[in-house]
């Protein structure tokens, strides 16, 4: 009996080791980017019969812009993700932070005009804040048509939250709810606070280099004077170094590195992504710095904010101050205690649970109300 049991274990272990060797010989260990992204694509492949897995260029106001739609069930509420930056695309890192979202939502991502896969050097002159507002309206129209859903959830991160909040203000009839992550309210005030915070950190740590460089751009973002991009980069250098962009990290390089593993991005896309971001910042940031939603006091849809407790890059405290004064049918603020500005990748589990437990019910309730409205006699 003992001999028989031992033989079975030896056979089982032999099978395991043989299988491992077979897998290794079959090339399952990635040797380059192409093989690594193929593995990730296989893991996240949507195989439900009714599932959607689309990635395609769409003509948006005369410019080719790439849009992704992923869903295990197309009747699930639509969630449009509007990335930040300008030019800091979310699509190529969504294989990590948005894992599981397509089980509960029809997730739509969009590489904005001139950013990421939508990079096109011939349209650089069209990169303006006003044009981006027109583009997001057109994208939402396209999404509503393609998904056959009249309303969607809009999640805007950073610069994308400025665009998203503007849509919520102008077209609440398009949205079940608005979700702002790293919400932009008043960029100039945020910049001033960021500079003061970094200067205090420099002095507290006796960092002579940081103190000298920050002093070199003072007074910073005051009296309506234009903020040179070089000064903004210098302020960001020290805000990031002291952990104001990613909690307990000197920068967001860990997130940038994940872009290289995106199955949605070709090698050419990878070469373009940083060129695109540089162009987007150069063209759009001056307009972003002059944008403010601080005078917005009321919205007619549910509003949820996801704020990193340690976010200095875009002041979370400023966003919270604005939010407490905002009037809306429903509103909730969620603090991410172990995040700065990149909460989507810093605390992806909490983001996921917040979307499923807090945002999804709002959309389901809204969709149910719409169905009842349609059925009601007129």
Foldseek 3Di string as FASTA:
>chain_A
DVVVVVVVVVVVVVVVVVVVVVCVVVPQPDPDLVSLLVVLCVVQPQDQPQWDWDWAWDQFVNATKIKTWTANHLVAFEEEEFEAQVQPADQLLCSPLVVPVRDRHGYMYIQFCCHQVRNDVVCLVVQEPVSRLSRVVRVLVVVCVVSVPQAHEYEYAHRRLLSQVVCLAVPVSRYLEYEYALHAAAQLVLLQQLLVVLCVVCVVVVPPVLNVLSVVCPPASPPPDQHDPVNLVSSCQSCLCVQQAWHPHSHVVVSVVSSSNGSSHDPVSNVSNVVSSVSNCVHYVRVVNRDHNLPAAEGAHEYEYEAEPRHSNRDPVVVVVSVVRHYYPHYYYHYDDRTHRPCSNRPSVVVVCCCVVPVSVSVVVVVVVVVVVVPDDD
